[in-house]
C-alpha atoms as a PDB file:
ATOM      1  CA  MET A   1     117.025  99.976 109.827  1.00  0.00           C
ATOM      2  CA  THR A   2     119.423 101.320 107.237  1.00  0.00           C
ATOM      3  CA  LEU A   3     120.500  99.171 104.303  1.00  0.00           C
ATOM      4  CA  ARG A   4     122.548  99.488 101.147  1.00  0.00           C
ATOM      5  CA  ALA A   5     120.160 100.268  98.278  1.00  0.00           C
ATOM      6  CA  GLU A   6     120.875  97.084  96.352  1.00  0.00           C
ATOM      7  CA  GLU A   7     118.637  94.421  94.808  1.00  0.00           C
ATOM      8  CA  TRP A   8     118.588  92.372  98.033  1.00  0.00           C
ATOM      9  CA  ALA A   9     117.494  95.280 100.272  1.00  0.00           C
ATOM     10  CA  GLY A  10     113.762  94.826  99.621  1.00  0.00           C
ATOM     11  CA  GLY A  11     113.934  91.200 100.758  1.00  0.00           C
ATOM     12  CA  VAL A  12     115.765  92.116 103.962  1.00  0.00           C
ATOM     13  CA  ALA A  13     113.266  94.904 104.677  1.00  0.00           C
ATOM     14  CA  ARG A  14     110.347  92.499 104.120  1.00  0.00           C
ATOM     15  CA  THR A  15     111.837  89.892 106.472  1.00  0.00           C
ATOM     16  CA  GLU A  16     112.639  92.375 109.255  1.00  0.00           C
ATOM     17  CA  LEU A  17     109.293  94.162 108.997  1.00  0.00           C
ATOM     18  CA  SER A  18     107.407  90.845 109.029  1.00  0.00           C
ATOM     19  CA  ALA A  19     109.181  89.837 112.232  1.00  0.00           C
ATOM     20  CA  TRP A  20     108.440  93.203 113.852  1.00  0.00           C
ATOM     21  CA  LEU A  21     104.763  93.097 112.864  1.00  0.00           C
ATOM     22  CA  GLU A  22     104.499  89.645 114.426  1.00  0.00           C
ATOM     23  CA  ILE A  23     106.076  90.942 117.648  1.00  0.00           C
ATOM     24  CA  VAL A  24     103.563  93.799 117.877  1.00  0.00           C
ATOM     25  CA  GLY A  25     100.727  91.351 117.205  1.00  0.00           C
ATOM     26  CA  TRP A  26      99.624  92.694 113.831  1.00  0.00           C
ATOM     27  CA  PRO A  27      96.950  90.564 112.111  1.00  0.00           C
ATOM     28  CA  LEU A  28      98.627  88.413 109.461  1.00  0.00           C
ATOM     29  CA  VAL A  29      96.299  89.307 106.587  1.00  0.00           C
ATOM     30  CA  GLN A  30      96.884  93.037 107.085  1.00  0.00           C
ATOM     31  CA  ALA A  31     100.602  92.541 107.736  1.00  0.00           C
ATOM     32  CA  VAL A  32     101.073  90.959 104.308  1.00  0.00           C
ATOM     33  CA  GLY A  33      99.901  94.161 102.586  1.00  0.00           C
ATOM     34  CA  ILE A  34     102.150  96.389 104.703  1.00  0.00           C
ATOM     35  CA  VAL A  35     105.169  94.184 104.038  1.00  0.00           C
ATOM     36  CA  ALA A  36     104.488  94.137 100.286  1.00  0.00           C
ATOM     37  CA  ALA A  37     104.101  97.932 100.100  1.00  0.00           C
ATOM     38  CA  VAL A  38     107.261  98.629 102.084  1.00  0.00           C
ATOM     39  CA  GLY A  39     109.249  96.052 100.123  1.00  0.00           C
ATOM     40  CA  GLU A  40     108.114  97.699  96.900  1.00  0.00           C
ATOM     41  CA  ALA A  41     109.173 101.137  98.170  1.00  0.00           C
ATOM     42  CA  VAL A  42     112.625  99.789  99.074  1.00  0.00           C
ATOM     43  CA  ASP A  43     112.874  98.051  95.694  1.00  0.00           C
ATOM     44  CA  ASN A  44     112.077 101.389  94.033  1.00  0.00           C
ATOM     45  CA  VAL A  45     114.997 103.006  95.866  1.00  0.00           C
ATOM     46  CA  ALA A  46     117.356 100.266  94.709  1.00  0.00           C
ATOM     47  CA  LEU A  47     116.149 100.675  91.111  1.00  0.00           C
ATOM     48  CA  HIS A  48     115.765 104.436  90.781  1.00  0.00           C
ATOM     49  CA  ALA A  49     117.356 106.555  93.527  1.00  0.00           C
ATOM     50  CA  TYR A  50     121.049 106.102  92.878  1.00  0.00           C
ATOM     51  CA  PRO A  51     121.967 106.401  89.213  1.00  0.00           C
ATOM     52  CA  PRO A  52     125.667 106.426  88.320  1.00  0.00           C
ATOM     53  CA  VAL A  53     127.266 109.753  89.234  1.00  0.00           C
ATOM     54  CA  GLU A  54     130.065 111.267  87.196  1.00  0.00           C
ATOM     55  CA  GLY A  55     133.256 111.403  89.212  1.00  0.00           C
ATOM     56  CA  VAL A  56     132.126 108.839  91.792  1.00  0.00           C
ATOM     57  CA  ALA A  57     133.415 105.291  91.408  1.00  0.00           C
ATOM     58  CA  ALA A  58     130.797 102.543  91.203  1.00  0.00           C
ATOM     59  CA  GLY A  59     129.993 101.192  94.651  1.00  0.00           C
ATOM     60  CA  THR A  60     131.431 104.233  96.423  1.00  0.00           C
ATOM     61  CA  VAL A  61     129.427 105.515  99.357  1.00  0.00           C
ATOM     62  CA  ALA A  62     129.777 109.216 100.135  1.00  0.00           C
ATOM     63  CA  GLY A  63     127.805 109.963 103.284  1.00  0.00           C
ATOM     64  CA  LEU A  64     124.485 108.195 102.870  1.00  0.00           C
ATOM     65  CA  TRP A  65     124.666 107.961  99.071  1.00  0.00           C
ATOM     66  CA  GLY A  66     123.602 104.409  98.335  1.00  0.00           C
ATOM     67  CA  ALA A  67     121.539 103.896 101.510  1.00  0.00           C
ATOM     68  CA  VAL A  68     117.846 103.355 102.240  1.00  0.00           C
ATOM     69  CA  SER A  69     116.297 103.591 105.695  1.00  0.00           C
ATOM     70  CA  VAL A  70     113.053 102.046 106.918  1.00  0.00           C
ATOM     71  CA  GLU A  71     111.407 103.241 110.140  1.00  0.00           C
ATOM     72  CA  ALA A  72     108.138 101.820 111.451  1.00  0.00           C
ATOM     73  CA  VAL A  73     105.933 102.752 114.395  1.00  0.00           C
ATOM     74  CA  VAL A  74     102.499 101.739 115.645  1.00  0.00           C
ATOM     75  CA  LEU A  75      99.987 104.590 115.932  1.00  0.00           C
ATOM     76  CA  ALA A  76      97.203 103.888 118.434  1.00  0.00           C
ATOM     77  CA  ALA A  77      93.968 105.882 118.744  1.00  0.00           C
ATOM     78  CA  ALA A  78      90.357 105.324 119.810  1.00  0.00           C
ATOM     79  CA  GLY A  79      90.309 101.538 119.843  1.00  0.00           C
ATOM     80  CA  THR A  80      92.290 101.134 116.625  1.00  0.00           C
ATOM     81  CA  ARG A  81      95.901 101.115 115.570  1.00  0.00           C
ATOM     82  CA  ARG A  82      97.782 101.721 112.347  1.00  0.00           C
ATOM     83  CA  VAL A  83     101.370 101.357 111.252  1.00  0.00           C
ATOM     84  CA  ARG A  84     103.331 104.300 109.873  1.00  0.00           C
ATOM     85  CA  VAL A  85     106.400 103.364 107.841  1.00  0.00           C
ATOM     86  CA  VAL A  86     108.848 105.869 106.392  1.00  0.00           C
ATOM     87  CA  VAL A  87     111.223 104.764 103.623  1.00  0.00           C
ATOM     88  CA  ARG A  88     113.947 107.338 102.951  1.00  0.00           C
ATOM     89  CA  ASP A  89     116.841 107.594 100.550  1.00  0.00           C
ATOM     90  CA  TRP A  90     119.479 110.224  99.881  1.00  0.00           C
ATOM     91  CA  GLY A  91     119.599 109.767  96.129  1.00  0.00           C
ATOM     92  CA  SER A  92     118.123 111.738  93.283  1.00  0.00           C
ATOM     93  CA  TRP A  93     114.498 112.366  92.393  1.00  0.00           C
ATOM     94  CA  ASN A  94     113.573 112.102  88.742  1.00  0.00           C
ATOM     95  CA  SER A  95     109.857 112.685  88.257  1.00  0.00           C
ATOM     96  CA  LEU A  96     110.180 112.021  84.519  1.00  0.00           C
ATOM     97  CA  GLY A  97     111.859 108.685  85.258  1.00  0.00           C
ATOM     98  CA  VAL A  98     109.033 107.746  87.608  1.00  0.00           C
ATOM     99  CA  LEU A  99     106.460 108.569  84.960  1.00  0.00           C
ATOM    100  CA  GLN A 100     108.332 106.536  82.359  1.00  0.00           C
ATOM    101  CA  ALA A 101     108.654 103.498  84.620  1.00  0.00           C
ATOM    102  CA  ASP A 102     105.989 100.815  84.468  1.00  0.00           C
ATOM    103  CA  GLY A 103     104.195 102.632  87.296  1.00  0.00           C
ATOM    104  CA  LEU A 104     102.958  99.431  88.884  1.00  0.00           C
ATOM    105  CA  GLY A 105     105.121  99.782  92.004  1.00  0.00           C
ATOM    106  CA  LEU A 106     103.675 103.097  93.119  1.00  0.00           C
ATOM    107  CA  GLN A 107     100.178 101.941  92.230  1.00  0.00           C
ATOM    108  CA  LEU A 108     100.673  98.813  94.346  1.00  0.00           C
ATOM    109  CA  ILE A 109     101.893 100.881  97.310  1.00  0.00           C
ATOM    110  CA  ASN A 110      98.871 103.183  97.026  1.00  0.00           C
ATOM    111  CA  ASP A 111      96.478 100.232  96.775  1.00  0.00           C
ATOM    112  CA  LEU A 112      97.907  98.444  99.827  1.00  0.00           C
ATOM    113  CA  MET A 113      98.172 101.404 102.199  1.00  0.00           C
ATOM    114  CA  ASP A 114      95.530 103.822 103.457  1.00  0.00           C
ATOM    115  CA  GLU A 115      97.710 106.915 103.060  1.00  0.00           C
ATOM    116  CA  VAL A 116     100.871 107.444 101.007  1.00  0.00           C
ATOM    117  CA  THR A 117     102.898 110.636 100.812  1.00  0.00           C
ATOM    118  CA  ILE A 118     105.933 110.978  98.562  1.00  0.00           C
ATOM    119  CA  ARG A 119     108.190 113.911  99.358  1.00  0.00           C
ATOM    120  CA  PRO A 120     111.128 114.503  97.012  1.00  0.00           C
ATOM    121  CA  GLY A 121     114.018 116.257  98.716  1.00  0.00           C
ATOM    122  CA  ILE A 122     115.287 119.639  97.681  1.00  0.00           C
ATOM    123  CA  PRO A 123     118.990 119.512  96.856  1.00  0.00           C
ATOM    124  CA  GLU A 124     121.205 122.191  98.349  1.00  0.00           C
ATOM    125  CA  HIS A 125     121.803 125.177  96.077  1.00  0.00           C
ATOM    126  CA  GLY A 126     119.016 124.066  93.713  1.00  0.00           C
ATOM    127  CA  HIS A 127     121.245 121.649  91.771  1.00  0.00           C
ATOM    128  CA  GLY A 128     120.500 118.012  90.974  1.00  0.00           C
ATOM    129  CA  ALA A 129     121.209 115.452  93.685  1.00  0.00           C
ATOM    130  CA  ARG A 130     124.858 114.620  94.209  1.00  0.00           C
ATOM    131  CA  PRO A 131     126.498 112.258  96.683  1.00  0.00           C
ATOM    132  CA  GLY A 132     126.105 113.601 100.190  1.00  0.00           C
ATOM    133  CA  ASP A 133     123.773 116.488  99.349  1.00  0.00           C
ATOM    134  CA  GLY A 134     120.932 114.942 101.365  1.00  0.00           C
ATOM    135  CA  ALA A 135     118.258 115.542  98.727  1.00  0.00           C
ATOM    136  CA  GLY A 136     116.696 112.101  98.431  1.00  0.00           C
ATOM    137  CA  THR A 137     113.070 111.086  98.709  1.00  0.00           C
ATOM    138  CA  GLU A 138     110.858 110.204 101.659  1.00  0.00           C
ATOM    139  CA  VAL A 139     107.865 107.878 101.250  1.00  0.00           C
ATOM    140  CA  THR A 140     105.503 107.836 104.239  1.00  0.00           C
ATOM    141  CA  MET A 141     102.936 105.049 104.293  1.00  0.00           C
ATOM    142  CA  ILE A 142     100.128 104.620 106.823  1.00  0.00           C
ATOM    143  CA  SER A 143      98.276 101.335 106.952  1.00  0.00           C
ATOM    144  CA  TYR A 144      94.566 100.771 107.217  1.00  0.00           C
ATOM    145  CA  ALA A 145      93.333 100.659 110.810  1.00  0.00           C
ATOM    146  CA  VAL A 146      92.963  97.398 112.723  1.00  0.00           C
ATOM    147  CA  SER A 147      91.510  96.742 116.163  1.00  0.00           C
ATOM    148  CA  ARG A 148      93.708  97.442 119.152  1.00  0.00           C
ATOM    149  CA  ARG A 149      95.620  94.505 120.495  1.00  0.00           C
ATOM    150  CA  PRO A 150      93.824  92.866 123.434  1.00  0.00           C
ATOM    151  CA  GLY A 151      95.483  93.189 126.813  1.00  0.00           C
END
């Protein structure tokens, strides 16, 4: 799914992911942690990825500037299964800003998921992220393993 990176996006992502996890028969206790981690990642995009850009009117979308995507898939292997979720934005990466933030969001994501990889994009021409440059950030989260679904 692709959403506008606004304060409501995390709630929509949580609702949609919860419904999908129920459809694929994910155990409820484990699903709660996945949903919380993904919601937090989407909330982080809404809070940090799209600062005001000089020369671009507030609320303007140029390409995917202002968007967040969430993609989830079940990974099955040797009697177990895990969920891989990728949260992607096309905004700017500010490592200093992340370090200055309260830091609880990223810690929560790391605590709830088995594996977390954060890959900041590389803007074209080595400049800071600008609308439409496709730099962004990709957060890949892999859940802890659960037993394969019977049947």
